[in-house]
Amino acid sequence: MAPGSPEGEVGRGTLLGFAAYGLWGLFPLYFDALRPAGAWEILANRILWTLLFCALVLLVRRDLGWVAPLLRRPRLLVGLTVAAVLIAVNWVVYVAAVVSGNTSEAALGYFLNPLVTVALGVVVLRERLRVLQWVAVGIGAAAGVYLGIAGGRVPWVALSLAVSFALYGLTKKKLGASLEALHGLTVETVVLAPVAAVTLVVVGLHGGLAFGQHGAGHTTLLVLSGVVTAVPLLCFAAAARRVPLVTIGLIQFITPVMQLLCAVLLLGEHLPAERWVGFGIVWVALLVLTTDSLLSVRATRRANRRAALELRPVPADDCPR
């Protein structure tokens, strides 16, 4: 495939998509290695080092011309602020889950995320669902109820992650393609930077600051949290521009599968039988949702081919005389 051809672009986008979701799938191992740093300290470091990384990239690229026009768009700034708060909530809940040994529940949250996203499309965007989409959402809701009853508590970690990331995606969708991924991430971290700085001060005053206290390797990992945060987001943004949405939808399941495997095989987490049953119900819902997406894409392609045939000009020799 030639690099500039449509097929080449799709191939490159697919590889970038695998890179993004593969890196996200390895996050449990990375954040587990940051212990004994707590969730709030890790969140603050992610924000501040991500901002520094984005600023350096922008300076190297001499890419600052978008800043002044952005400052004249208050509605866009409000939207980016909302997105920043939502992604911060998602980050701190996820990190807290990993460092407290609940990676499997975090993985469940990202399995539930596509179902919550579809549900938000109905409630907020007034989108109309197909039959199989309704079935998938219903099965997903049943899984949540089952896990709450069987586990004796509401799976707040999973639900918080699924809802916060779905709302983040919805907010970014409402903003449209107003900003490149790097620009958007820069603004979001600028918004969160003062809170991150205050968080580090508060954690330090209470004697809980781990930065610089556990060797050069641990400190380096905290510093690199900015790169680790930014790179998969930028890979994802590049992939989303090159491949069909259904491809992204299928690739995204790599992340929670890898997170679950990391939890069980590498981090030593034990999943009770009812949790496995709950995961199984969610996987059935995702299978139904995936089937619907594939059928929809196939039907759209057939319709496009029929339309192209109908618009094809009739050869002169075939015209009636």
C-alpha atoms as a PDB file:
ATOM      1  CA  MET A   1       0.000   0.000   0.000  1.00  0.00           C
ATOM      2  CA  ALA A   2       1.387   3.403  -0.988  1.00  0.00           C
ATOM      3  CA  PRO A   3       1.845   5.736   2.018  1.00  0.00           C
ATOM      4  CA  GLY A   4      -0.374   8.451   0.542  1.00  0.00           C
ATOM      5  CA  SER A   5      -3.102   6.172  -0.790  1.00  0.00           C
ATOM      6  CA  PRO A   6      -6.466   5.745   0.991  1.00  0.00           C
ATOM      7  CA  GLU A   7      -5.567   2.135   1.773  1.00  0.00           C
ATOM      8  CA  GLY A   8      -2.208   3.251   3.160  1.00  0.00           C
ATOM      9  CA  GLU A   9      -3.867   5.881   5.354  1.00  0.00           C
ATOM     10  CA  VAL A  10      -6.351   3.334   6.711  1.00  0.00           C
ATOM     11  CA  GLY A  11      -3.527   0.900   7.437  1.00  0.00           C
ATOM     12  CA  ARG A  12      -1.535   3.572   9.219  1.00  0.00           C
ATOM     13  CA  GLY A  13      -4.610   4.667  11.170  1.00  0.00           C
ATOM     14  CA  THR A  14      -5.305   1.085  12.230  1.00  0.00           C
ATOM     15  CA  LEU A  15      -1.753   0.706  13.550  1.00  0.00           C
ATOM     16  CA  LEU A  16      -2.073   3.998  15.440  1.00  0.00           C
ATOM     17  CA  GLY A  17      -5.375   2.799  16.902  1.00  0.00           C
ATOM     18  CA  PHE A  18      -3.782  -0.439  18.105  1.00  0.00           C
ATOM     19  CA  ALA A  19      -0.916   1.604  19.572  1.00  0.00           C
ATOM     20  CA  ALA A  20      -3.297   3.907  21.483  1.00  0.00           C
ATOM     21  CA  TYR A  21      -5.504   1.190  22.936  1.00  0.00           C
ATOM     22  CA  GLY A  22      -2.539  -1.113  23.564  1.00  0.00           C
ATOM     23  CA  LEU A  23      -0.781   1.570  25.591  1.00  0.00           C
ATOM     24  CA  TRP A  24      -3.964   2.274  27.558  1.00  0.00           C
ATOM     25  CA  GLY A  25      -4.237  -1.450  28.214  1.00  0.00           C
ATOM     26  CA  LEU A  26      -0.809  -1.416  29.894  1.00  0.00           C
ATOM     27  CA  PHE A  27      -1.660   1.519  32.178  1.00  0.00           C
ATOM     28  CA  PRO A  28      -2.400  -0.723  35.206  1.00  0.00           C
ATOM     29  CA  LEU A  29       1.220  -1.899  35.229  1.00  0.00           C
ATOM     30  CA  TYR A  30       2.516   1.666  34.929  1.00  0.00           C
ATOM     31  CA  PHE A  31       0.366   3.124  37.692  1.00  0.00           C
ATOM     32  CA  ASP A  32       0.994   0.149  39.956  1.00  0.00           C
ATOM     33  CA  ALA A  33       4.729   0.902  39.585  1.00  0.00           C
ATOM     34  CA  LEU A  34       4.081   4.458  40.870  1.00  0.00           C
ATOM     35  CA  ARG A  35       3.128   3.256  44.337  1.00  0.00           C
ATOM     36  CA  PRO A  36       3.492   4.364  47.132  1.00  0.00           C
ATOM     37  CA  ALA A  37       2.432   7.641  45.480  1.00  0.00           C
ATOM     38  CA  GLY A  38      -1.289   8.137  46.064  1.00  0.00           C
ATOM     39  CA  ALA A  39      -3.983   8.748  43.457  1.00  0.00           C
ATOM     40  CA  TRP A  40      -4.094  12.536  43.994  1.00  0.00           C
ATOM     41  CA  GLU A  41      -0.340  12.944  43.701  1.00  0.00           C
ATOM     42  CA  ILE A  42      -0.261  10.818  40.550  1.00  0.00           C
ATOM     43  CA  LEU A  43      -3.141  12.839  39.074  1.00  0.00           C
ATOM     44  CA  ALA A  44      -1.345  16.119  39.794  1.00  0.00           C
ATOM     45  CA  ASN A  45       1.868  14.833  38.230  1.00  0.00           C
ATOM     46  CA  ARG A  46       0.017  13.611  35.136  1.00  0.00           C
ATOM     47  CA  ILE A  47      -1.547  17.028  34.635  1.00  0.00           C
ATOM     48  CA  LEU A  48       1.584  19.128  35.170  1.00  0.00           C
ATOM     49  CA  TRP A  49       3.998  16.938  33.204  1.00  0.00           C
ATOM     50  CA  THR A  50       1.454  16.528  30.377  1.00  0.00           C
ATOM     51  CA  LEU A  51       1.164  20.316  30.183  1.00  0.00           C
ATOM     52  CA  LEU A  52       4.951  20.653  30.032  1.00  0.00           C
ATOM     53  CA  PHE A  53       5.180  17.984  27.318  1.00  0.00           C
ATOM     54  CA  CYS A  54       2.455  19.655  25.222  1.00  0.00           C
ATOM     55  CA  ALA A  55       4.075  23.073  25.651  1.00  0.00           C
ATOM     56  CA  LEU A  56       7.445  21.760  24.482  1.00  0.00           C
ATOM     57  CA  VAL A  57       5.909  20.113  21.418  1.00  0.00           C
ATOM     58  CA  LEU A  58       4.046  23.314  20.532  1.00  0.00           C
ATOM     59  CA  LEU A  59       7.202  25.404  20.912  1.00  0.00           C
ATOM     60  CA  VAL A  60       9.251  23.032  18.763  1.00  0.00           C
ATOM     61  CA  ARG A  61       6.534  23.089  16.095  1.00  0.00           C
ATOM     62  CA  ARG A  62       6.078  26.881  16.511  1.00  0.00           C
ATOM     63  CA  ASP A  63       2.397  26.103  16.720  1.00  0.00           C
ATOM     64  CA  LEU A  64       0.891  28.896  18.818  1.00  0.00           C
ATOM     65  CA  GLY A  65      -1.231  30.720  16.243  1.00  0.00           C
ATOM     66  CA  TRP A  66      -4.427  29.052  17.496  1.00  0.00           C
ATOM     67  CA  VAL A  67      -4.194  30.535  21.016  1.00  0.00           C
ATOM     68  CA  ALA A  68      -5.389  34.095  20.294  1.00  0.00           C
ATOM     69  CA  PRO A  69      -8.476  33.032  18.256  1.00  0.00           C
ATOM     70  CA  LEU A  70      -9.375  30.546  21.001  1.00  0.00           C
ATOM     71  CA  LEU A  71      -9.384  33.264  23.663  1.00  0.00           C
ATOM     72  CA  ARG A  72     -12.067  35.066  21.644  1.00  0.00           C
ATOM     73  CA  ARG A  73     -14.390  32.037  21.825  1.00  0.00           C
ATOM     74  CA  PRO A  74     -15.723  31.897  25.407  1.00  0.00           C
ATOM     75  CA  ARG A  75     -18.223  29.109  24.690  1.00  0.00           C
ATOM     76  CA  LEU A  76     -15.462  26.849  23.408  1.00  0.00           C
ATOM     77  CA  LEU A  77     -13.364  27.644  26.479  1.00  0.00           C
ATOM     78  CA  VAL A  78     -16.284  26.701  28.752  1.00  0.00           C
ATOM     79  CA  GLY A  79     -16.694  23.432  26.862  1.00  0.00           C
ATOM     80  CA  LEU A  80     -12.989  22.623  27.188  1.00  0.00           C
ATOM     81  CA  THR A  81     -13.168  23.408  30.909  1.00  0.00           C
ATOM     82  CA  VAL A  82     -16.026  20.935  31.318  1.00  0.00           C
ATOM     83  CA  ALA A  83     -14.049  18.341  29.343  1.00  0.00           C
ATOM     84  CA  ALA A  84     -11.010  18.968  31.569  1.00  0.00           C
ATOM     85  CA  VAL A  85     -13.011  18.355  34.751  1.00  0.00           C
ATOM     86  CA  LEU A  86     -14.519  15.155  33.351  1.00  0.00           C
ATOM     87  CA  ILE A  87     -11.181  13.698  32.246  1.00  0.00           C
ATOM     88  CA  ALA A  88      -9.642  14.634  35.628  1.00  0.00           C
ATOM     89  CA  VAL A  89     -12.425  12.730  37.415  1.00  0.00           C
ATOM     90  CA  ASN A  90     -11.804   9.757  35.116  1.00  0.00           C
ATOM     91  CA  TRP A  91      -8.053   9.843  35.721  1.00  0.00           C
ATOM     92  CA  VAL A  92      -8.206  10.048  39.510  1.00  0.00           C
ATOM     93  CA  VAL A  93     -10.849   7.301  39.826  1.00  0.00           C
ATOM     94  CA  TYR A  94      -8.855   5.028  37.526  1.00  0.00           C
ATOM     95  CA  VAL A  95      -5.542   5.582  39.288  1.00  0.00           C
ATOM     96  CA  ALA A  96      -7.178   5.140  42.692  1.00  0.00           C
ATOM     97  CA  ALA A  97      -8.662   1.845  41.501  1.00  0.00           C
ATOM     98  CA  VAL A  98      -5.278   0.556  40.282  1.00  0.00           C
ATOM     99  CA  VAL A  99      -3.220   1.564  43.325  1.00  0.00           C
ATOM    100  CA  SER A 100      -5.873   0.114  45.662  1.00  0.00           C
ATOM    101  CA  GLY A 101      -5.953  -3.248  43.846  1.00  0.00           C
ATOM    102  CA  ASN A 102      -9.251  -2.805  41.974  1.00  0.00           C
ATOM    103  CA  THR A 103      -7.946  -2.902  38.409  1.00  0.00           C
ATOM    104  CA  SER A 104     -10.526  -5.519  37.418  1.00  0.00           C
ATOM    105  CA  GLU A 105     -13.380  -3.175  38.333  1.00  0.00           C
ATOM    106  CA  ALA A 106     -11.678  -0.421  36.343  1.00  0.00           C
ATOM    107  CA  ALA A 107     -11.576  -2.798  33.363  1.00  0.00           C
ATOM    108  CA  LEU A 108     -15.293  -3.417  33.815  1.00  0.00           C
ATOM    109  CA  GLY A 109     -15.841   0.337  33.568  1.00  0.00           C
ATOM    110  CA  TYR A 110     -14.214   0.453  30.145  1.00  0.00           C
ATOM    111  CA  PHE A 111     -16.218  -2.568  29.002  1.00  0.00           C
ATOM    112  CA  LEU A 112     -19.375  -0.672  30.023  1.00  0.00           C
ATOM    113  CA  ASN A 113     -18.247   2.577  28.377  1.00  0.00           C
ATOM    114  CA  PRO A 114     -19.566   1.850  24.829  1.00  0.00           C
ATOM    115  CA  LEU A 115     -22.977   0.958  26.261  1.00  0.00           C
ATOM    116  CA  VAL A 116     -23.112   4.154  28.338  1.00  0.00           C
ATOM    117  CA  THR A 117     -22.051   6.142  25.271  1.00  0.00           C
ATOM    118  CA  VAL A 118     -24.940   4.686  23.266  1.00  0.00           C
ATOM    119  CA  ALA A 119     -27.363   5.434  26.118  1.00  0.00           C
ATOM    120  CA  LEU A 120     -26.152   9.056  26.276  1.00  0.00           C
ATOM    121  CA  GLY A 121     -26.757   9.353  22.546  1.00  0.00           C
ATOM    122  CA  VAL A 122     -30.425   8.571  23.190  1.00  0.00           C
ATOM    123  CA  VAL A 123     -30.881  10.733  26.292  1.00  0.00           C
ATOM    124  CA  VAL A 124     -28.817  13.790  25.329  1.00  0.00           C
ATOM    125  CA  LEU A 125     -28.557  13.795  21.527  1.00  0.00           C
ATOM    126  CA  ARG A 126     -32.044  12.307  20.934  1.00  0.00           C
ATOM    127  CA  GLU A 127     -30.558   9.670  18.658  1.00  0.00           C
ATOM    128  CA  ARG A 128     -32.763   6.769  17.602  1.00  0.00           C
ATOM    129  CA  LEU A 129     -31.423   3.306  18.336  1.00  0.00           C
ATOM    130  CA  ARG A 130     -31.784   0.225  16.205  1.00  0.00           C
ATOM    131  CA  VAL A 131     -33.278  -2.907  17.727  1.00  0.00           C
ATOM    132  CA  LEU A 132     -29.943  -4.596  18.442  1.00  0.00           C
ATOM    133  CA  GLN A 133     -28.617  -1.422  20.066  1.00  0.00           C
ATOM    134  CA  TRP A 134     -31.591  -1.408  22.448  1.00  0.00           C
ATOM    135  CA  VAL A 135     -30.945  -5.074  23.199  1.00  0.00           C
ATOM    136  CA  ALA A 136     -27.267  -4.349  23.961  1.00  0.00           C
ATOM    137  CA  VAL A 137     -28.091  -1.432  26.273  1.00  0.00           C
ATOM    138  CA  GLY A 138     -30.694  -3.567  28.066  1.00  0.00           C
ATOM    139  CA  ILE A 139     -28.226  -6.407  28.603  1.00  0.00           C
ATOM    140  CA  GLY A 140     -25.623  -3.932  29.848  1.00  0.00           C
ATOM    141  CA  ALA A 141     -28.099  -2.461  32.327  1.00  0.00           C
ATOM    142  CA  ALA A 142     -28.942  -5.989  33.498  1.00  0.00           C
ATOM    143  CA  ALA A 143     -25.228  -6.633  34.052  1.00  0.00           C
ATOM    144  CA  GLY A 144     -24.947  -3.530  36.232  1.00  0.00           C
ATOM    145  CA  VAL A 145     -27.974  -4.567  38.318  1.00  0.00           C
ATOM    146  CA  TYR A 146     -26.652  -8.120  38.665  1.00  0.00           C
ATOM    147  CA  LEU A 147     -23.199  -6.965  39.780  1.00  0.00           C
ATOM    148  CA  GLY A 148     -24.760  -4.626  42.339  1.00  0.00           C
ATOM    149  CA  ILE A 149     -26.969  -7.350  43.809  1.00  0.00           C
ATOM    150  CA  ALA A 150     -24.443 -10.196  43.649  1.00  0.00           C
ATOM    151  CA  GLY A 151     -21.569  -8.111  44.984  1.00  0.00           C
ATOM    152  CA  GLY A 152     -23.636  -6.544  47.728  1.00  0.00           C
ATOM    153  CA  ARG A 153     -22.752  -3.023  46.564  1.00  0.00           C
ATOM    154  CA  VAL A 154     -23.060  -0.774  43.544  1.00  0.00           C
ATOM    155  CA  PRO A 155     -19.912  -1.044  41.345  1.00  0.00           C
ATOM    156  CA  TRP A 156     -19.190   2.669  41.745  1.00  0.00           C
ATOM    157  CA  VAL A 157     -15.673   2.534  40.300  1.00  0.00           C
ATOM    158  CA  ALA A 158     -16.811   0.888  37.058  1.00  0.00           C
ATOM    159  CA  LEU A 159     -19.847   3.163  36.709  1.00  0.00           C
ATOM    160  CA  SER A 160     -17.840   6.312  37.481  1.00  0.00           C
ATOM    161  CA  LEU A 161     -15.230   5.447  34.857  1.00  0.00           C
ATOM    162  CA  ALA A 162     -17.819   4.515  32.225  1.00  0.00           C
ATOM    163  CA  VAL A 163     -19.974   7.605  32.797  1.00  0.00           C
ATOM    164  CA  SER A 164     -17.120  10.124  33.134  1.00  0.00           C
ATOM    165  CA  PHE A 165     -15.382   8.947  29.943  1.00  0.00           C
ATOM    166  CA  ALA A 166     -18.669   8.752  28.027  1.00  0.00           C
ATOM    167  CA  LEU A 167     -19.524  12.312  29.116  1.00  0.00           C
ATOM    168  CA  TYR A 168     -16.000  13.411  28.147  1.00  0.00           C
ATOM    169  CA  GLY A 169     -16.505  11.906  24.683  1.00  0.00           C
ATOM    170  CA  LEU A 170     -19.923  13.555  24.413  1.00  0.00           C
ATOM    171  CA  THR A 171     -18.468  16.931  25.377  1.00  0.00           C
ATOM    172  CA  LYS A 172     -15.693  16.616  22.804  1.00  0.00           C
ATOM    173  CA  LYS A 173     -18.266  15.600  20.180  1.00  0.00           C
ATOM    174  CA  LYS A 174     -20.365  18.681  20.958  1.00  0.00           C
ATOM    175  CA  LEU A 175     -17.254  20.835  20.575  1.00  0.00           C
ATOM    176  CA  GLY A 176     -16.713  19.319  17.136  1.00  0.00           C
ATOM    177  CA  ALA A 177     -13.406  19.490  15.311  1.00  0.00           C
ATOM    178  CA  SER A 178     -12.714  22.964  16.711  1.00  0.00           C
ATOM    179  CA  LEU A 179      -9.244  22.096  17.961  1.00  0.00           C
ATOM    180  CA  GLU A 180      -6.569  19.565  17.139  1.00  0.00           C
ATOM    181  CA  ALA A 181      -6.024  16.868  19.759  1.00  0.00           C
ATOM    182  CA  LEU A 182      -2.752  18.429  20.947  1.00  0.00           C
ATOM    183  CA  HIS A 183      -4.346  21.867  21.248  1.00  0.00           C
ATOM    184  CA  GLY A 184      -7.326  20.505  23.158  1.00  0.00           C
ATOM    185  CA  LEU A 185      -5.142  18.503  25.551  1.00  0.00           C
ATOM    186  CA  THR A 186      -2.984  21.584  26.144  1.00  0.00           C
ATOM    187  CA  VAL A 187      -5.998  23.724  27.070  1.00  0.00           C
ATOM    188  CA  GLU A 188      -7.440  21.012  29.313  1.00  0.00           C
ATOM    189  CA  THR A 189      -4.171  20.669  31.238  1.00  0.00           C
ATOM    190  CA  VAL A 190      -3.834  24.472  31.487  1.00  0.00           C
ATOM    191  CA  VAL A 191      -7.295  24.556  33.101  1.00  0.00           C
ATOM    192  CA  LEU A 192      -6.346  21.801  35.549  1.00  0.00           C
ATOM    193  CA  ALA A 193      -2.787  22.986  36.305  1.00  0.00           C
ATOM    194  CA  PRO A 194      -3.686  25.339  39.219  1.00  0.00           C
ATOM    195  CA  VAL A 195      -5.704  22.569  40.881  1.00  0.00           C
ATOM    196  CA  ALA A 196      -2.824  20.140  40.349  1.00  0.00           C
ATOM    197  CA  ALA A 197      -0.334  22.548  41.923  1.00  0.00           C
ATOM    198  CA  VAL A 198      -2.577  23.099  44.961  1.00  0.00           C
ATOM    199  CA  THR A 199      -3.065  19.326  45.249  1.00  0.00           C
ATOM    200  CA  LEU A 200       0.686  18.745  45.420  1.00  0.00           C
ATOM    201  CA  VAL A 201       1.030  21.436  48.104  1.00  0.00           C
ATOM    202  CA  VAL A 202      -1.765  19.896  50.195  1.00  0.00           C
ATOM    203  CA  VAL A 203      -0.349  16.372  49.836  1.00  0.00           C
ATOM    204  CA  GLY A 204       3.110  17.697  50.774  1.00  0.00           C
ATOM    205  CA  LEU A 205       1.815  19.507  53.862  1.00  0.00           C
ATOM    206  CA  HIS A 206       0.304  16.260  55.074  1.00  0.00           C
ATOM    207  CA  GLY A 207       3.620  14.466  54.620  1.00  0.00           C
ATOM    208  CA  GLY A 208       2.394  12.199  51.846  1.00  0.00           C
ATOM    209  CA  LEU A 209       4.495  13.417  48.920  1.00  0.00           C
ATOM    210  CA  ALA A 210       6.317  10.513  47.280  1.00  0.00           C
ATOM    211  CA  PHE A 211       8.058  12.507  44.526  1.00  0.00           C
ATOM    212  CA  GLY A 212      11.839  12.242  44.948  1.00  0.00           C
ATOM    213  CA  GLN A 213      11.519  10.021  48.013  1.00  0.00           C
ATOM    214  CA  HIS A 214      11.782   6.553  46.456  1.00  0.00           C
ATOM    215  CA  GLY A 215      14.774   6.588  44.168  1.00  0.00           C
ATOM    216  CA  ALA A 216      15.572   7.958  40.723  1.00  0.00           C
ATOM    217  CA  GLY A 217      13.566   5.269  38.937  1.00  0.00           C
ATOM    218  CA  HIS A 218      10.324   6.113  40.747  1.00  0.00           C
ATOM    219  CA  THR A 219      10.862   9.846  40.213  1.00  0.00           C
ATOM    220  CA  THR A 220      11.538   9.288  36.512  1.00  0.00           C
ATOM    221  CA  LEU A 221       8.314   7.316  36.156  1.00  0.00           C
ATOM    222  CA  LEU A 222       6.350  10.190  37.711  1.00  0.00           C
ATOM    223  CA  VAL A 223       8.017  12.691  35.361  1.00  0.00           C
ATOM    224  CA  LEU A 224       7.284  10.485  32.342  1.00  0.00           C
ATOM    225  CA  SER A 225       3.577  10.347  33.268  1.00  0.00           C
ATOM    226  CA  GLY A 226       3.104  13.363  31.008  1.00  0.00           C
ATOM    227  CA  VAL A 227       4.471  11.571  27.954  1.00  0.00           C
ATOM    228  CA  VAL A 228       2.610   8.393  28.900  1.00  0.00           C
ATOM    229  CA  THR A 229      -0.636  10.370  29.117  1.00  0.00           C
ATOM    230  CA  ALA A 230      -0.219  12.389  25.931  1.00  0.00           C
ATOM    231  CA  VAL A 231       1.150   9.832  23.449  1.00  0.00           C
ATOM    232  CA  PRO A 232      -1.845   7.421  23.336  1.00  0.00           C
ATOM    233  CA  LEU A 233      -4.280  10.354  23.170  1.00  0.00           C
ATOM    234  CA  LEU A 234      -2.437  11.754  20.155  1.00  0.00           C
ATOM    235  CA  CYS A 235      -2.248   8.295  18.538  1.00  0.00           C
ATOM    236  CA  PHE A 236      -5.988   7.898  19.052  1.00  0.00           C
ATOM    237  CA  ALA A 237      -6.741  11.292  17.504  1.00  0.00           C
ATOM    238  CA  ALA A 238      -4.603  10.460  14.464  1.00  0.00           C
ATOM    239  CA  ALA A 239      -6.294   7.060  14.118  1.00  0.00           C
ATOM    240  CA  ALA A 240      -9.806   8.482  14.383  1.00  0.00           C
ATOM    241  CA  ARG A 241      -9.148  10.717  11.361  1.00  0.00           C
ATOM    242  CA  ARG A 242      -8.032   7.795   9.187  1.00  0.00           C
ATOM    243  CA  VAL A 243     -10.220   4.769   9.936  1.00  0.00           C
ATOM    244  CA  PRO A 244     -13.981   4.129  10.059  1.00  0.00           C
ATOM    245  CA  LEU A 245     -15.722   4.539  13.401  1.00  0.00           C
ATOM    246  CA  VAL A 246     -16.667   0.860  13.459  1.00  0.00           C
ATOM    247  CA  THR A 247     -12.964  -0.061  13.322  1.00  0.00           C
ATOM    248  CA  ILE A 248     -12.233   2.194  16.279  1.00  0.00           C
ATOM    249  CA  GLY A 249     -15.176   0.625  18.084  1.00  0.00           C
ATOM    250  CA  LEU A 250     -13.761  -2.862  17.621  1.00  0.00           C
ATOM    251  CA  ILE A 251     -10.176  -1.925  18.498  1.00  0.00           C
ATOM    252  CA  GLN A 252     -11.236  -0.206  21.729  1.00  0.00           C
ATOM    253  CA  PHE A 253     -12.047  -3.547  23.376  1.00  0.00           C
ATOM    254  CA  ILE A 254      -8.308  -4.289  23.452  1.00  0.00           C
ATOM    255  CA  THR A 255      -7.916  -1.891  26.402  1.00  0.00           C
ATOM    256  CA  PRO A 256     -10.265  -3.479  28.971  1.00  0.00           C
ATOM    257  CA  VAL A 257      -9.221  -6.995  27.914  1.00  0.00           C
ATOM    258  CA  MET A 258      -5.552  -6.120  28.535  1.00  0.00           C
ATOM    259  CA  GLN A 259      -6.448  -4.384  31.799  1.00  0.00           C
ATOM    260  CA  LEU A 260      -8.329  -7.456  32.999  1.00  0.00           C
ATOM    261  CA  LEU A 261      -5.430  -9.736  32.042  1.00  0.00           C
ATOM    262  CA  CYS A 262      -2.977  -7.441  33.847  1.00  0.00           C
ATOM    263  CA  ALA A 263      -5.181  -7.498  36.951  1.00  0.00           C
ATOM    264  CA  VAL A 264      -5.567 -11.276  37.099  1.00  0.00           C
ATOM    265  CA  LEU A 265      -2.271 -12.551  35.690  1.00  0.00           C
ATOM    266  CA  LEU A 266       0.272  -9.910  36.709  1.00  0.00           C
ATOM    267  CA  LEU A 267      -1.137  -7.927  39.638  1.00  0.00           C
ATOM    268  CA  GLY A 268      -2.523 -10.956  41.465  1.00  0.00           C
ATOM    269  CA  GLU A 269      -6.121  -9.746  41.819  1.00  0.00           C
ATOM    270  CA  HIS A 270      -8.762 -12.355  42.651  1.00  0.00           C
ATOM    271  CA  LEU A 271     -12.116 -12.138  40.868  1.00  0.00           C
ATOM    272  CA  PRO A 272     -15.031 -13.844  42.644  1.00  0.00           C
ATOM    273  CA  ALA A 273     -17.366 -16.006  40.589  1.00  0.00           C
ATOM    274  CA  GLU A 274     -20.130 -13.376  40.484  1.00  0.00           C
ATOM    275  CA  ARG A 275     -17.709 -10.840  38.973  1.00  0.00           C
ATOM    276  CA  TRP A 276     -16.848 -13.291  36.170  1.00  0.00           C
ATOM    277  CA  VAL A 277     -20.577 -13.811  35.532  1.00  0.00           C
ATOM    278  CA  GLY A 278     -21.053 -10.031  35.398  1.00  0.00           C
ATOM    279  CA  PHE A 279     -18.201  -9.707  32.915  1.00  0.00           C
ATOM    280  CA  GLY A 280     -19.798 -12.458  30.826  1.00  0.00           C
ATOM    281  CA  ILE A 281     -23.113 -10.593  30.662  1.00  0.00           C
ATOM    282  CA  VAL A 282     -21.326  -7.401  29.602  1.00  0.00           C
ATOM    283  CA  TRP A 283     -19.420  -9.312  26.901  1.00  0.00           C
ATOM    284  CA  VAL A 284     -22.721 -10.592  25.505  1.00  0.00           C
ATOM    285  CA  ALA A 285     -23.957  -6.990  25.332  1.00  0.00           C
ATOM    286  CA  LEU A 286     -20.770  -5.902  23.541  1.00  0.00           C
ATOM    287  CA  LEU A 287     -21.085  -8.809  21.090  1.00  0.00           C
ATOM    288  CA  VAL A 288     -24.620  -7.685  20.234  1.00  0.00           C
ATOM    289  CA  LEU A 289     -23.468  -4.070  19.843  1.00  0.00           C
ATOM    290  CA  THR A 290     -20.547  -5.111  17.618  1.00  0.00           C
ATOM    291  CA  THR A 291     -22.825  -7.278  15.466  1.00  0.00           C
ATOM    292  CA  ASP A 292     -25.182  -4.340  15.007  1.00  0.00           C
ATOM    293  CA  SER A 293     -22.291  -2.071  13.973  1.00  0.00           C
ATOM    294  CA  LEU A 294     -21.003  -4.552  11.394  1.00  0.00           C
ATOM    295  CA  LEU A 295     -24.497  -5.114   9.951  1.00  0.00           C
ATOM    296  CA  SER A 296     -25.057  -1.355   9.759  1.00  0.00           C
ATOM    297  CA  VAL A 297     -21.770  -0.769   7.920  1.00  0.00           C
ATOM    298  CA  ARG A 298     -22.558  -3.598   5.482  1.00  0.00           C
ATOM    299  CA  ALA A 299     -26.033  -2.196   4.779  1.00  0.00           C
ATOM    300  CA  THR A 300     -24.609   1.297   4.232  1.00  0.00           C
ATOM    301  CA  ARG A 301     -22.041  -0.017   1.749  1.00  0.00           C
ATOM    302  CA  ARG A 302     -24.733  -1.901  -0.192  1.00  0.00           C
ATOM    303  CA  ALA A 303     -26.886   1.223  -0.312  1.00  0.00           C
ATOM    304  CA  ASN A 304     -23.950   3.315  -1.534  1.00  0.00           C
ATOM    305  CA  ARG A 305     -23.171   0.773  -4.286  1.00  0.00           C
ATOM    306  CA  ARG A 306     -26.805   0.778  -5.444  1.00  0.00           C
ATOM    307  CA  ALA A 307     -26.832   4.573  -5.500  1.00  0.00           C
ATOM    308  CA  ALA A 308     -23.615   4.628  -7.516  1.00  0.00           C
ATOM    309  CA  LEU A 309     -25.074   2.184 -10.062  1.00  0.00           C
ATOM    310  CA  GLU A 310     -28.237   4.244 -10.423  1.00  0.00           C
ATOM    311  CA  LEU A 311     -26.205   7.404 -11.071  1.00  0.00           C
ATOM    312  CA  ARG A 312     -23.917   5.737 -13.624  1.00  0.00           C
ATOM    313  CA  PRO A 313     -24.406   7.359 -17.073  1.00  0.00           C
ATOM    314  CA  VAL A 314     -25.969   5.199 -19.760  1.00  0.00           C
ATOM    315  CA  PRO A 315     -23.645   4.526 -22.780  1.00  0.00           C
ATOM    316  CA  ALA A 316     -24.703   6.264 -25.988  1.00  0.00           C
ATOM    317  CA  ASP A 317     -25.221   2.957 -27.851  1.00  0.00           C
ATOM    318  CA  ASP A 318     -27.714   1.854 -25.217  1.00  0.00           C
ATOM    319  CA  CYS A 319     -29.892   4.961 -25.518  1.00  0.00           C
ATOM    320  CA  PRO A 320     -33.288   4.387 -27.223  1.00  0.00           C
ATOM    321  CA  ARG A 321     -33.684   5.843 -30.683  1.00  0.00           C
END
